Amino acid sequence: MQTAPTSAATSSGAPLTLDDLFRRTVLRQPDAIALIDPPNKHRVTGTQPQKLTFAQADQAVSAIAARFVEAGLPPGSIIALQMPNTIEFALTVLAALRAGLVAALLPQLWRQSE
């Protein structure tokens, strides 16, 4: 009986990152749906729900990551994210990782007093 590998690595032997896995999927299935907003997105954000393919999501992730770099955030910087569960949240987390940042995910219901 075969078992699944316990870890994945790049050709250099380094462990795969979430961004590595995402980029692999972009190459394999660029036109497959990657992200879907919740149906109630309009109620939460005022914008309509959308769907993105892996290729579209990859473009957005690269653009957001570039903005982080342009803003002067060096790799290893910690950024706090407090966002609703939407496509933008997933894109921002992936972009932070691509830019070498550490994403500190804060519950959306937390307020300033907490």
PDB file of N, CA and C in Angstrom:
ATOM      1  N   MET A   1       0.840  -1.181   0.000  1.00  0.00           N
ATOM      2  CA  MET A   1       0.000   0.000   0.000  1.00  0.00           C
ATOM      3  C   MET A   1       0.883   1.242   0.000  1.00  0.00           C
ATOM      4  N   GLN A   2       0.574   2.157  -0.900  1.00  0.00           N
ATOM      5  CA  GLN A   2       1.344   3.397  -0.974  1.00  0.00           C
ATOM      6  C   GLN A   2       0.755   4.431  -0.030  1.00  0.00           C
ATOM      7  N   THR A   3       1.639   5.219   0.542  1.00  0.00           N
ATOM      8  CA  THR A   3       1.183   6.315   1.389  1.00  0.00           C
ATOM      9  C   THR A   3       1.578   7.623   0.739  1.00  0.00           C
ATOM     10  N   ALA A   4       0.837   8.638   1.062  1.00  0.00           N
ATOM     11  CA  ALA A   4       1.137   9.966   0.526  1.00  0.00           C
ATOM     12  C   ALA A   4       2.425  10.479   1.145  1.00  0.00           C
ATOM     13  N   PRO A   5       3.207  11.235   0.370  1.00  0.00           N
ATOM     14  CA  PRO A   5       4.425  11.813   0.946  1.00  0.00           C
ATOM     15  C   PRO A   5       4.069  12.748   2.091  1.00  0.00           C
ATOM     16  N   THR A   6       4.939  12.773   3.085  1.00  0.00           N
ATOM     17  CA  THR A   6       4.673  13.617   4.248  1.00  0.00           C
ATOM     18  C   THR A   6       5.043  15.070   4.003  1.00  0.00           C
ATOM     19  N   SER A   7       5.905  15.323   3.023  1.00  0.00           N
ATOM     20  CA  SER A   7       6.248  16.706   2.712  1.00  0.00           C
ATOM     21  C   SER A   7       6.607  16.802   1.244  1.00  0.00           C
ATOM     22  N   ALA A   8       6.471  17.976   0.713  1.00  0.00           N
ATOM     23  CA  ALA A   8       6.822  18.226  -0.681  1.00  0.00           C
ATOM     24  C   ALA A   8       7.994  19.193  -0.694  1.00  0.00           C
ATOM     25  N   ALA A   9       8.793  19.095  -1.748  1.00  0.00           N
ATOM     26  CA  ALA A   9       9.961  19.970  -1.832  1.00  0.00           C
ATOM     27  C   ALA A   9      10.160  20.423  -3.268  1.00  0.00           C
ATOM     28  N   THR A  10      10.863  21.521  -3.409  1.00  0.00           N
ATOM     29  CA  THR A  10      11.234  22.022  -4.724  1.00  0.00           C
ATOM     30  C   THR A  10      12.403  21.197  -5.244  1.00  0.00           C
ATOM     31  N   SER A  11      12.816  21.455  -6.480  1.00  0.00           N
ATOM     32  CA  SER A  11      13.945  20.714  -7.053  1.00  0.00           C
ATOM     33  C   SER A  11      15.237  20.960  -6.269  1.00  0.00           C
ATOM     34  N   SER A  12      15.324  22.103  -5.584  1.00  0.00           N
ATOM     35  CA  SER A  12      16.516  22.395  -4.778  1.00  0.00           C
ATOM     36  C   SER A  12      16.464  21.724  -3.407  1.00  0.00           C
ATOM     37  N   GLY A  13      15.337  21.070  -3.098  1.00  0.00           N
ATOM     38  CA  GLY A  13      15.193  20.419  -1.807  1.00  0.00           C
ATOM     39  C   GLY A  13      14.507  21.274  -0.762  1.00  0.00           C
ATOM     40  N   ALA A  14      14.274  22.548  -1.082  1.00  0.00           N
ATOM     41  CA  ALA A  14      13.584  23.437  -0.140  1.00  0.00           C
ATOM     42  C   ALA A  14      12.106  23.041  -0.064  1.00  0.00           C
ATOM     43  N   PRO A  15      11.488  23.180   1.102  1.00  0.00           N
ATOM     44  CA  PRO A  15      10.064  22.861   1.214  1.00  0.00           C
ATOM     45  C   PRO A  15       9.232  23.759   0.296  1.00  0.00           C
ATOM     46  N   LEU A  16       8.165  23.198  -0.239  1.00  0.00           N
ATOM     47  CA  LEU A  16       7.256  23.987  -1.062  1.00  0.00           C
ATOM     48  C   LEU A  16       6.470  24.957  -0.193  1.00  0.00           C
ATOM     49  N   THR A  17       6.259  26.143  -0.706  1.00  0.00           N
ATOM     50  CA  THR A  17       5.428  27.132  -0.025  1.00  0.00           C
ATOM     51  C   THR A  17       4.018  27.062  -0.598  1.00  0.00           C
ATOM     52  N   LEU A  18       3.097  27.715   0.062  1.00  0.00           N
ATOM     53  CA  LEU A  18       1.738  27.807  -0.461  1.00  0.00           C
ATOM     54  C   LEU A  18       1.756  28.476  -1.832  1.00  0.00           C
ATOM     55  N   ASP A  19       2.595  29.492  -1.996  1.00  0.00           N
ATOM     56  CA  ASP A  19       2.688  30.166  -3.292  1.00  0.00           C
ATOM     57  C   ASP A  19       3.248  29.229  -4.358  1.00  0.00           C
ATOM     58  N   ASP A  20       4.219  28.384  -4.010  1.00  0.00           N
ATOM     59  CA  ASP A  20       4.733  27.393  -4.963  1.00  0.00           C
ATOM     60  C   ASP A  20       3.609  26.479  -5.443  1.00  0.00           C
ATOM     61  N   LEU A  21       2.810  25.995  -4.515  1.00  0.00           N
ATOM     62  CA  LEU A  21       1.702  25.108  -4.869  1.00  0.00           C
ATOM     63  C   LEU A  21       0.670  25.832  -5.728  1.00  0.00           C
ATOM     64  N   PHE A  22       0.384  27.080  -5.378  1.00  0.00           N
ATOM     65  CA  PHE A  22      -0.566  27.875  -6.159  1.00  0.00           C
ATOM     66  C   PHE A  22      -0.047  28.061  -7.583  1.00  0.00           C
ATOM     67  N   ARG A  23       1.225  28.431  -7.721  1.00  0.00           N
ATOM     68  CA  ARG A  23       1.805  28.650  -9.058  1.00  0.00           C
ATOM     69  C   ARG A  23       1.822  27.365  -9.884  1.00  0.00           C
ATOM     70  N   ARG A  24       2.056  26.237  -9.249  1.00  0.00           N
ATOM     71  CA  ARG A  24       1.998  24.955  -9.969  1.00  0.00           C
ATOM     72  C   ARG A  24       0.604  24.735 -10.551  1.00  0.00           C
ATOM     73  N   THR A  25      -0.399  25.036  -9.759  1.00  0.00           N
ATOM     74  CA  THR A  25      -1.768  24.857 -10.228  1.00  0.00           C
ATOM     75  C   THR A  25      -2.088  25.839 -11.343  1.00  0.00           C
ATOM     76  N   VAL A  26      -1.571  27.059 -11.258  1.00  0.00           N
ATOM     77  CA  VAL A  26      -1.756  28.044 -12.330  1.00  0.00           C
ATOM     78  C   VAL A  26      -1.213  27.479 -13.639  1.00  0.00           C
ATOM     79  N   LEU A  27      -0.043  26.864 -13.593  1.00  0.00           N
ATOM     80  CA  LEU A  27       0.561  26.295 -14.803  1.00  0.00           C
ATOM     81  C   LEU A  27      -0.230  25.108 -15.340  1.00  0.00           C
ATOM     82  N   ARG A  28      -0.771  24.306 -14.439  1.00  0.00           N
ATOM     83  CA  ARG A  28      -1.496  23.097 -14.849  1.00  0.00           C
ATOM     84  C   ARG A  28      -2.920  23.382 -15.311  1.00  0.00           C
ATOM     85  N   GLN A  29      -3.581  24.319 -14.649  1.00  0.00           N
ATOM     86  CA  GLN A  29      -5.003  24.567 -14.922  1.00  0.00           C
ATOM     87  C   GLN A  29      -5.308  26.061 -14.904  1.00  0.00           C
ATOM     88  N   PRO A  30      -4.729  26.842 -15.797  1.00  0.00           N
ATOM     89  CA  PRO A  30      -4.912  28.290 -15.738  1.00  0.00           C
ATOM     90  C   PRO A  30      -6.362  28.746 -15.881  1.00  0.00           C
ATOM     91  N   ASP A  31      -7.169  27.983 -16.601  1.00  0.00           N
ATOM     92  CA  ASP A  31      -8.548  28.402 -16.846  1.00  0.00           C
ATOM     93  C   ASP A  31      -9.559  27.796 -15.879  1.00  0.00           C
ATOM     94  N   ALA A  32      -9.094  26.988 -14.949  1.00  0.00           N
ATOM     95  CA  ALA A  32      -9.992  26.416 -13.944  1.00  0.00           C
ATOM     96  C   ALA A  32     -10.358  27.489 -12.921  1.00  0.00           C
ATOM     97  N   ILE A  33     -11.544  27.377 -12.366  1.00  0.00           N
ATOM     98  CA  ILE A  33     -11.985  28.330 -11.345  1.00  0.00           C
ATOM     99  C   ILE A  33     -11.166  28.110 -10.071  1.00  0.00           C
ATOM    100  N   ALA A  34     -10.578  29.183  -9.587  1.00  0.00           N
ATOM    101  CA  ALA A  34      -9.742  29.124  -8.383  1.00  0.00           C
ATOM    102  C   ALA A  34     -10.466  29.652  -7.157  1.00  0.00           C
ATOM    103  N   LEU A  35     -11.185  30.746  -7.324  1.00  0.00           N
ATOM    104  CA  LEU A  35     -11.807  31.425  -6.187  1.00  0.00           C
ATOM    105  C   LEU A  35     -13.232  31.833  -6.537  1.00  0.00           C
ATOM    106  N   ILE A  36     -14.129  31.672  -5.572  1.00  0.00           N
ATOM    107  CA  ILE A  36     -15.526  32.066  -5.740  1.00  0.00           C
ATOM    108  C   ILE A  36     -15.939  32.834  -4.491  1.00  0.00           C
ATOM    109  N   ASP A  37     -16.508  34.011  -4.704  1.00  0.00           N
ATOM    110  CA  ASP A  37     -17.006  34.807  -3.582  1.00  0.00           C
ATOM    111  C   ASP A  37     -18.253  34.168  -2.980  1.00  0.00           C
ATOM    112  N   PRO A  38     -18.521  34.473  -1.711  1.00  0.00           N
ATOM    113  CA  PRO A  38     -19.771  34.003  -1.113  1.00  0.00           C
ATOM    114  C   PRO A  38     -20.953  34.738  -1.749  1.00  0.00           C
ATOM    115  N   PRO A  39     -22.115  34.093  -1.808  1.00  0.00           N
ATOM    116  CA  PRO A  39     -23.272  34.728  -2.444  1.00  0.00           C
ATOM    117  C   PRO A  39     -23.720  36.014  -1.745  1.00  0.00           C
ATOM    118  N   ASN A  40     -23.410  36.170  -0.461  1.00  0.00           N
ATOM    119  CA  ASN A  40     -23.830  37.366   0.277  1.00  0.00           C
ATOM    120  C   ASN A  40     -22.779  38.476   0.256  1.00  0.00           C
ATOM    121  N   LYS A  41     -21.831  38.417  -0.646  1.00  0.00           N
ATOM    122  CA  LYS A  41     -20.754  39.412  -0.683  1.00  0.00           C
ATOM    123  C   LYS A  41     -21.301  40.835  -0.769  1.00  0.00           C
ATOM    124  N   HIS A  42     -22.348  41.037  -1.557  1.00  0.00           N
ATOM    125  CA  HIS A  42     -22.897  42.386  -1.719  1.00  0.00           C
ATOM    126  C   HIS A  42     -23.354  42.952  -0.378  1.00  0.00           C
ATOM    127  N   ARG A  43     -23.965  42.122   0.441  1.00  0.00           N
ATOM    128  CA  ARG A  43     -24.438  42.581   1.755  1.00  0.00           C
ATOM    129  C   ARG A  43     -23.266  42.973   2.654  1.00  0.00           C
ATOM    130  N   VAL A  44     -22.163  42.279   2.516  1.00  0.00           N
ATOM    131  CA  VAL A  44     -21.002  42.503   3.384  1.00  0.00           C
ATOM    132  C   VAL A  44     -20.124  43.648   2.888  1.00  0.00           C
ATOM    133  N   THR A  45     -19.901  43.724   1.572  1.00  0.00           N
ATOM    134  CA  THR A  45     -18.934  44.688   1.031  1.00  0.00           C
ATOM    135  C   THR A  45     -19.529  45.724   0.090  1.00  0.00           C
ATOM    136  N   GLY A  46     -20.750  45.486  -0.375  1.00  0.00           N
ATOM    137  CA  GLY A  46     -21.350  46.407  -1.341  1.00  0.00           C
ATOM    138  C   GLY A  46     -20.955  46.115  -2.776  1.00  0.00           C
ATOM    139  N   THR A  47     -20.176  45.069  -2.999  1.00  0.00           N
ATOM    140  CA  THR A  47     -19.783  44.689  -4.356  1.00  0.00           C
ATOM    141  C   THR A  47     -20.352  43.311  -4.687  1.00  0.00           C
ATOM    142  N   GLN A  48     -20.499  43.050  -5.970  1.00  0.00           N
ATOM    143  CA  GLN A  48     -21.098  41.802  -6.422  1.00  0.00           C
ATOM    144  C   GLN A  48     -20.116  40.635  -6.299  1.00  0.00           C
ATOM    145  N   PRO A  49     -20.640  39.438  -6.021  1.00  0.00           N
ATOM    146  CA  PRO A  49     -19.783  38.258  -5.993  1.00  0.00           C
ATOM    147  C   PRO A  49     -19.156  38.021  -7.367  1.00  0.00           C
ATOM    148  N   GLN A  50     -17.973  37.447  -7.352  1.00  0.00           N
ATOM    149  CA  GLN A  50     -17.301  37.138  -8.611  1.00  0.00           C
ATOM    150  C   GLN A  50     -16.588  35.799  -8.511  1.00  0.00           C
ATOM    151  N   LYS A  51     -16.115  35.329  -9.657  1.00  0.00           N
ATOM    152  CA  LYS A  51     -15.308  34.112  -9.746  1.00  0.00           C
ATOM    153  C   LYS A  51     -14.030  34.477 -10.478  1.00  0.00           C
ATOM    154  N   LEU A  52     -12.929  33.869 -10.075  1.00  0.00           N
ATOM    155  CA  LEU A  52     -11.654  34.086 -10.757  1.00  0.00           C
ATOM    156  C   LEU A  52     -11.037  32.745 -11.130  1.00  0.00           C
ATOM    157  N   THR A  53     -10.442  32.692 -12.311  1.00  0.00           N
ATOM    158  CA  THR A  53      -9.663  31.522 -12.702  1.00  0.00           C
ATOM    159  C   THR A  53      -8.306  31.595 -12.008  1.00  0.00           C
ATOM    160  N   PHE A  54      -7.561  30.504 -12.090  1.00  0.00           N
ATOM    161  CA  PHE A  54      -6.218  30.517 -11.517  1.00  0.00           C
ATOM    162  C   PHE A  54      -5.344  31.570 -12.190  1.00  0.00           C
ATOM    163  N   ALA A  55      -5.466  31.718 -13.513  1.00  0.00           N
ATOM    164  CA  ALA A  55      -4.658  32.722 -14.220  1.00  0.00           C
ATOM    165  C   ALA A  55      -5.031  34.130 -13.774  1.00  0.00           C
ATOM    166  N   GLN A  56      -6.324  34.414 -13.644  1.00  0.00           N
ATOM    167  CA  GLN A  56      -6.758  35.739 -13.190  1.00  0.00           C
ATOM    168  C   GLN A  56      -6.303  35.999 -11.761  1.00  0.00           C
ATOM    169  N   ALA A  57      -6.444  35.003 -10.914  1.00  0.00           N
ATOM    170  CA  ALA A  57      -6.023  35.154  -9.520  1.00  0.00           C
ATOM    171  C   ALA A  57      -4.518  35.376  -9.434  1.00  0.00           C
ATOM    172  N   ASP A  58      -3.752  34.658 -10.237  1.00  0.00           N
ATOM    173  CA  ASP A  58      -2.299  34.815 -10.233  1.00  0.00           C
ATOM    174  C   ASP A  58      -1.899  36.228 -10.639  1.00  0.00           C
ATOM    175  N   GLN A  59      -2.566  36.774 -11.640  1.00  0.00           N
ATOM    176  CA  GLN A  59      -2.288  38.162 -12.058  1.00  0.00           C
ATOM    177  C   GLN A  59      -2.570  39.126 -10.916  1.00  0.00           C
ATOM    178  N   ALA A  60      -3.706  38.940 -10.252  1.00  0.00           N
ATOM    179  CA  ALA A  60      -4.076  39.823  -9.147  1.00  0.00           C
ATOM    180  C   ALA A  60      -3.089  39.687  -7.989  1.00  0.00           C
ATOM    181  N   VAL A  61      -2.694  38.469  -7.669  1.00  0.00           N
ATOM    182  CA  VAL A  61      -1.733  38.236  -6.584  1.00  0.00           C
ATOM    183  C   VAL A  61      -0.417  38.938  -6.892  1.00  0.00           C
ATOM    184  N   SER A  62       0.058  38.812  -8.125  1.00  0.00           N
ATOM    185  CA  SER A  62       1.315  39.473  -8.505  1.00  0.00           C
ATOM    186  C   SER A  62       1.204  40.987  -8.392  1.00  0.00           C
ATOM    187  N   ALA A  63       0.068  41.541  -8.802  1.00  0.00           N
ATOM    188  CA  ALA A  63      -0.126  42.993  -8.733  1.00  0.00           C
ATOM    189  C   ALA A  63      -0.146  43.477  -7.281  1.00  0.00           C
ATOM    190  N   ILE A  64      -0.842  42.756  -6.417  1.00  0.00           N
ATOM    191  CA  ILE A  64      -0.905  43.151  -5.004  1.00  0.00           C
ATOM    192  C   ILE A  64       0.470  42.996  -4.352  1.00  0.00           C
ATOM    193  N   ALA A  65       1.167  41.903  -4.650  1.00  0.00           N
ATOM    194  CA  ALA A  65       2.515  41.695  -4.098  1.00  0.00           C
ATOM    195  C   ALA A  65       3.443  42.825  -4.525  1.00  0.00           C
ATOM    196  N   ALA A  66       3.334  43.249  -5.779  1.00  0.00           N
ATOM    197  CA  ALA A  66       4.164  44.361  -6.269  1.00  0.00           C
ATOM    198  C   ALA A  66       3.862  45.640  -5.500  1.00  0.00           C
ATOM    199  N   ARG A  67       2.602  45.864  -5.164  1.00  0.00           N
ATOM    200  CA  ARG A  67       2.234  47.061  -4.386  1.00  0.00           C
ATOM    201  C   ARG A  67       2.845  47.011  -2.990  1.00  0.00           C
ATOM    202  N   PHE A  68       2.860  45.840  -2.377  1.00  0.00           N
ATOM    203  CA  PHE A  68       3.510  45.699  -1.066  1.00  0.00           C
ATOM    204  C   PHE A  68       4.989  46.074  -1.159  1.00  0.00           C
ATOM    205  N   VAL A  69       5.658  45.584  -2.193  1.00  0.00           N
ATOM    206  CA  VAL A  69       7.084  45.878  -2.384  1.00  0.00           C
ATOM    207  C   VAL A  69       7.277  47.366  -2.654  1.00  0.00           C
ATOM    208  N   GLU A  70       6.437  47.946  -3.530  1.00  0.00           N
ATOM    209  CA  GLU A  70       6.523  49.381  -3.840  1.00  0.00           C
ATOM    210  C   GLU A  70       6.294  50.239  -2.603  1.00  0.00           C
ATOM    211  N   ALA A  71       5.490  49.737  -1.670  1.00  0.00           N
ATOM    212  CA  ALA A  71       5.219  50.476  -0.434  1.00  0.00           C
ATOM    213  C   ALA A  71       6.408  50.433   0.523  1.00  0.00           C
ATOM    214  N   GLY A  72       7.435  49.662   0.165  1.00  0.00           N
ATOM    215  CA  GLY A  72       8.642  49.619   0.983  1.00  0.00           C
ATOM    216  C   GLY A  72       8.647  48.566   2.068  1.00  0.00           C
ATOM    217  N   LEU A  73       7.730  47.609   1.989  1.00  0.00           N
ATOM    218  CA  LEU A  73       7.697  46.554   3.004  1.00  0.00           C
ATOM    219  C   LEU A  73       8.766  45.507   2.696  1.00  0.00           C
ATOM    220  N   PRO A  74       9.788  45.398   3.544  1.00  0.00           N
ATOM    221  CA  PRO A  74      10.839  44.408   3.284  1.00  0.00           C
ATOM    222  C   PRO A  74      10.349  42.998   3.628  1.00  0.00           C
ATOM    223  N   PRO A  75      10.946  41.983   2.997  1.00  0.00           N
ATOM    224  CA  PRO A  75      10.589  40.607   3.344  1.00  0.00           C
ATOM    225  C   PRO A  75      10.723  40.380   4.847  1.00  0.00           C
ATOM    226  N   GLY A  76       9.788  39.624   5.383  1.00  0.00           N
ATOM    227  CA  GLY A  76       9.780  39.348   6.814  1.00  0.00           C
ATOM    228  C   GLY A  76       8.907  40.302   7.604  1.00  0.00           C
ATOM    229  N   SER A  77       8.452  41.393   6.967  1.00  0.00           N
ATOM    230  CA  SER A  77       7.562  42.330   7.655  1.00  0.00           C
ATOM    231  C   SER A  77       6.240  41.639   7.973  1.00  0.00           C
ATOM    232  N   ILE A  78       5.680  42.003   9.097  1.00  0.00           N
ATOM    233  CA  ILE A  78       4.386  41.452   9.508  1.00  0.00           C
ATOM    234  C   ILE A  78       3.307  42.454   9.141  1.00  0.00           C
ATOM    235  N   ILE A  79       2.285  41.975   8.435  1.00  0.00           N
ATOM    236  CA  ILE A  79       1.141  42.836   8.129  1.00  0.00           C
ATOM    237  C   ILE A  79      -0.109  42.204   8.736  1.00  0.00           C
ATOM    238  N   ALA A  80      -0.942  43.026   9.334  1.00  0.00           N
ATOM    239  CA  ALA A  80      -2.194  42.555   9.920  1.00  0.00           C
ATOM    240  C   ALA A  80      -3.293  42.670   8.877  1.00  0.00           C
ATOM    241  N   LEU A  81      -4.075  41.615   8.731  1.00  0.00           N
ATOM    242  CA  LEU A  81      -5.183  41.600   7.780  1.00  0.00           C
ATOM    243  C   LEU A  81      -6.472  41.304   8.529  1.00  0.00           C
ATOM    244  N   GLN A  82      -7.446  42.173   8.331  1.00  0.00           N
ATOM    245  CA  GLN A  82      -8.765  41.980   8.917  1.00  0.00           C
ATOM    246  C   GLN A  82      -9.768  42.238   7.800  1.00  0.00           C
ATOM    247  N   MET A  83     -10.200  41.179   7.155  1.00  0.00           N
ATOM    248  CA  MET A  83     -11.031  41.292   5.962  1.00  0.00           C
ATOM    249  C   MET A  83     -12.143  40.251   6.009  1.00  0.00           C
ATOM    250  N   PRO A  84     -13.248  40.529   5.294  1.00  0.00           N
ATOM    251  CA  PRO A  84     -14.291  39.507   5.193  1.00  0.00           C
ATOM    252  C   PRO A  84     -13.812  38.339   4.331  1.00  0.00           C
ATOM    253  N   ASN A  85     -14.501  37.235   4.437  1.00  0.00           N
ATOM    254  CA  ASN A  85     -14.150  36.018   3.712  1.00  0.00           C
ATOM    255  C   ASN A  85     -14.574  36.151   2.246  1.00  0.00           C
ATOM    256  N   THR A  86     -13.749  36.860   1.474  1.00  0.00           N
ATOM    257  CA  THR A  86     -14.024  37.119   0.064  1.00  0.00           C
ATOM    258  C   THR A  86     -12.791  36.781  -0.761  1.00  0.00           C
ATOM    259  N   ILE A  87     -12.941  36.880  -2.063  1.00  0.00           N
ATOM    260  CA  ILE A  87     -11.810  36.661  -2.962  1.00  0.00           C
ATOM    261  C   ILE A  87     -10.655  37.589  -2.600  1.00  0.00           C
ATOM    262  N   GLU A  88     -10.957  38.827  -2.283  1.00  0.00           N
ATOM    263  CA  GLU A  88      -9.904  39.796  -1.965  1.00  0.00           C
ATOM    264  C   GLU A  88      -9.058  39.350  -0.773  1.00  0.00           C
ATOM    265  N   PHE A  89      -9.688  38.697   0.185  1.00  0.00           N
ATOM    266  CA  PHE A  89      -8.952  38.185   1.343  1.00  0.00           C
ATOM    267  C   PHE A  89      -7.932  37.137   0.899  1.00  0.00           C
ATOM    268  N   ALA A  90      -8.378  36.161   0.121  1.00  0.00           N
ATOM    269  CA  ALA A  90      -7.472  35.109  -0.353  1.00  0.00           C
ATOM    270  C   ALA A  90      -6.350  35.691  -1.203  1.00  0.00           C
ATOM    271  N   LEU A  91      -6.686  36.631  -2.086  1.00  0.00           N
ATOM    272  CA  LEU A  91      -5.672  37.256  -2.940  1.00  0.00           C
ATOM    273  C   LEU A  91      -4.638  38.005  -2.106  1.00  0.00           C
ATOM    274  N   THR A  92      -5.091  38.701  -1.083  1.00  0.00           N
ATOM    275  CA  THR A  92      -4.188  39.495  -0.249  1.00  0.00           C
ATOM    276  C   THR A  92      -3.254  38.602   0.563  1.00  0.00           C
ATOM    277  N   VAL A  93      -3.777  37.506   1.097  1.00  0.00           N
ATOM    278  CA  VAL A  93      -2.924  36.569   1.842  1.00  0.00           C
ATOM    279  C   VAL A  93      -1.869  35.975   0.917  1.00  0.00           C
ATOM    280  N   LEU A  94      -2.279  35.517  -0.260  1.00  0.00           N
ATOM    281  CA  LEU A  94      -1.318  34.953  -1.213  1.00  0.00           C
ATOM    282  C   LEU A  94      -0.292  35.995  -1.645  1.00  0.00           C
ATOM    283  N   ALA A  95      -0.734  37.231  -1.849  1.00  0.00           N
ATOM    284  CA  ALA A  95       0.189  38.300  -2.257  1.00  0.00           C
ATOM    285  C   ALA A  95       1.200  38.598  -1.157  1.00  0.00           C
ATOM    286  N   ALA A  96       0.747  38.610   0.082  1.00  0.00           N
ATOM    287  CA  ALA A  96       1.672  38.842   1.197  1.00  0.00           C
ATOM    288  C   ALA A  96       2.744  37.758   1.218  1.00  0.00           C
ATOM    289  N   LEU A  97       2.332  36.520   1.054  1.00  0.00           N
ATOM    290  CA  LEU A  97       3.294  35.419   1.044  1.00  0.00           C
ATOM    291  C   LEU A  97       4.245  35.538  -0.138  1.00  0.00           C
ATOM    292  N   ARG A  98       3.722  35.906  -1.303  1.00  0.00           N
ATOM    293  CA  ARG A  98       4.569  36.048  -2.498  1.00  0.00           C
ATOM    294  C   ARG A  98       5.597  37.157  -2.292  1.00  0.00           C
ATOM    295  N   ALA A  99       5.229  38.202  -1.575  1.00  0.00           N
ATOM    296  CA  ALA A  99       6.143  39.316  -1.321  1.00  0.00           C
ATOM    297  C   ALA A  99       7.095  39.023  -0.161  1.00  0.00           C
ATOM    298  N   GLY A 100       6.970  37.843   0.443  1.00  0.00           N
ATOM    299  CA  GLY A 100       7.852  37.478   1.546  1.00  0.00           C
ATOM    300  C   GLY A 100       7.421  38.044   2.880  1.00  0.00           C
ATOM    301  N   LEU A 101       6.170  38.464   2.969  1.00  0.00           N
ATOM    302  CA  LEU A 101       5.653  39.048   4.201  1.00  0.00           C
ATOM    303  C   LEU A 101       5.009  37.978   5.068  1.00  0.00           C
ATOM    304  N   VAL A 102       4.783  38.323   6.316  1.00  0.00           N
ATOM    305  CA  VAL A 102       4.088  37.445   7.247  1.00  0.00           C
ATOM    306  C   VAL A 102       2.708  38.043   7.473  1.00  0.00           C
ATOM    307  N   ALA A 103       1.674  37.280   7.145  1.00  0.00           N
ATOM    308  CA  ALA A 103       0.301  37.769   7.299  1.00  0.00           C
ATOM    309  C   ALA A 103      -0.232  37.363   8.669  1.00  0.00           C
ATOM    310  N   ALA A 104      -0.566  38.360   9.484  1.00  0.00           N
ATOM    311  CA  ALA A 104      -1.212  38.118  10.775  1.00  0.00           C
ATOM    312  C   ALA A 104      -2.708  38.285  10.546  1.00  0.00           C
ATOM    313  N   LEU A 105      -3.439  37.185  10.598  1.00  0.00           N
ATOM    314  CA  LEU A 105      -4.863  37.204  10.280  1.00  0.00           C
ATOM    315  C   LEU A 105      -5.670  37.515  11.535  1.00  0.00           C
ATOM    316  N   LEU A 106      -6.392  38.615  11.496  1.00  0.00           N
ATOM    317  CA  LEU A 106      -7.190  39.051  12.637  1.00  0.00           C
ATOM    318  C   LEU A 106      -8.659  38.732  12.392  1.00  0.00           C
ATOM    319  N   PRO A 107      -9.373  38.243  13.401  1.00  0.00           N
ATOM    320  CA  PRO A 107     -10.798  37.979  13.223  1.00  0.00           C
ATOM    321  C   PRO A 107     -11.535  39.249  12.795  1.00  0.00           C
ATOM    322  N   GLN A 108     -12.457  39.092  11.875  1.00  0.00           N
ATOM    323  CA  GLN A 108     -13.179  40.251  11.365  1.00  0.00           C
ATOM    324  C   GLN A 108     -14.015  40.932  12.446  1.00  0.00           C
ATOM    325  N   LEU A 109     -14.453  40.186  13.429  1.00  0.00           N
ATOM    326  CA  LEU A 109     -15.300  40.773  14.465  1.00  0.00           C
ATOM    327  C   LEU A 109     -14.519  41.525  15.538  1.00  0.00           C
ATOM    328  N   TRP A 110     -13.193  41.407  15.527  1.00  0.00           N
ATOM    329  CA  TRP A 110     -12.398  42.183  16.482  1.00  0.00           C
ATOM    330  C   TRP A 110     -12.560  43.662  16.192  1.00  0.00           C
ATOM    331  N   ARG A 111     -12.586  44.446  17.226  1.00  0.00           N
ATOM    332  CA  ARG A 111     -12.700  45.897  17.089  1.00  0.00           C
ATOM    333  C   ARG A 111     -11.494  46.558  17.747  1.00  0.00           C
ATOM    334  N   GLN A 112     -11.399  47.859  17.635  1.00  0.00           N
ATOM    335  CA  GLN A 112     -10.254  48.610  18.137  1.00  0.00           C
ATOM    336  C   GLN A 112     -10.008  48.341  19.617  1.00  0.00           C
ATOM    337  N   SER A 113     -11.069  48.188  20.395  1.00  0.00           N
ATOM    338  CA  SER A 113     -10.920  47.987  21.840  1.00  0.00           C
ATOM    339  C   SER A 113     -10.261  46.654  22.183  1.00  0.00           C
ATOM    340  N   GLU A 114     -10.229  45.738  21.235  1.00  0.00           N
ATOM    341  CA  GLU A 114      -9.653  44.426  21.516  1.00  0.00           C
ATOM    342  C   GLU A 114      -8.208  44.404  21.112  1.00  0.00           C
TER     343      GLU A 114
END
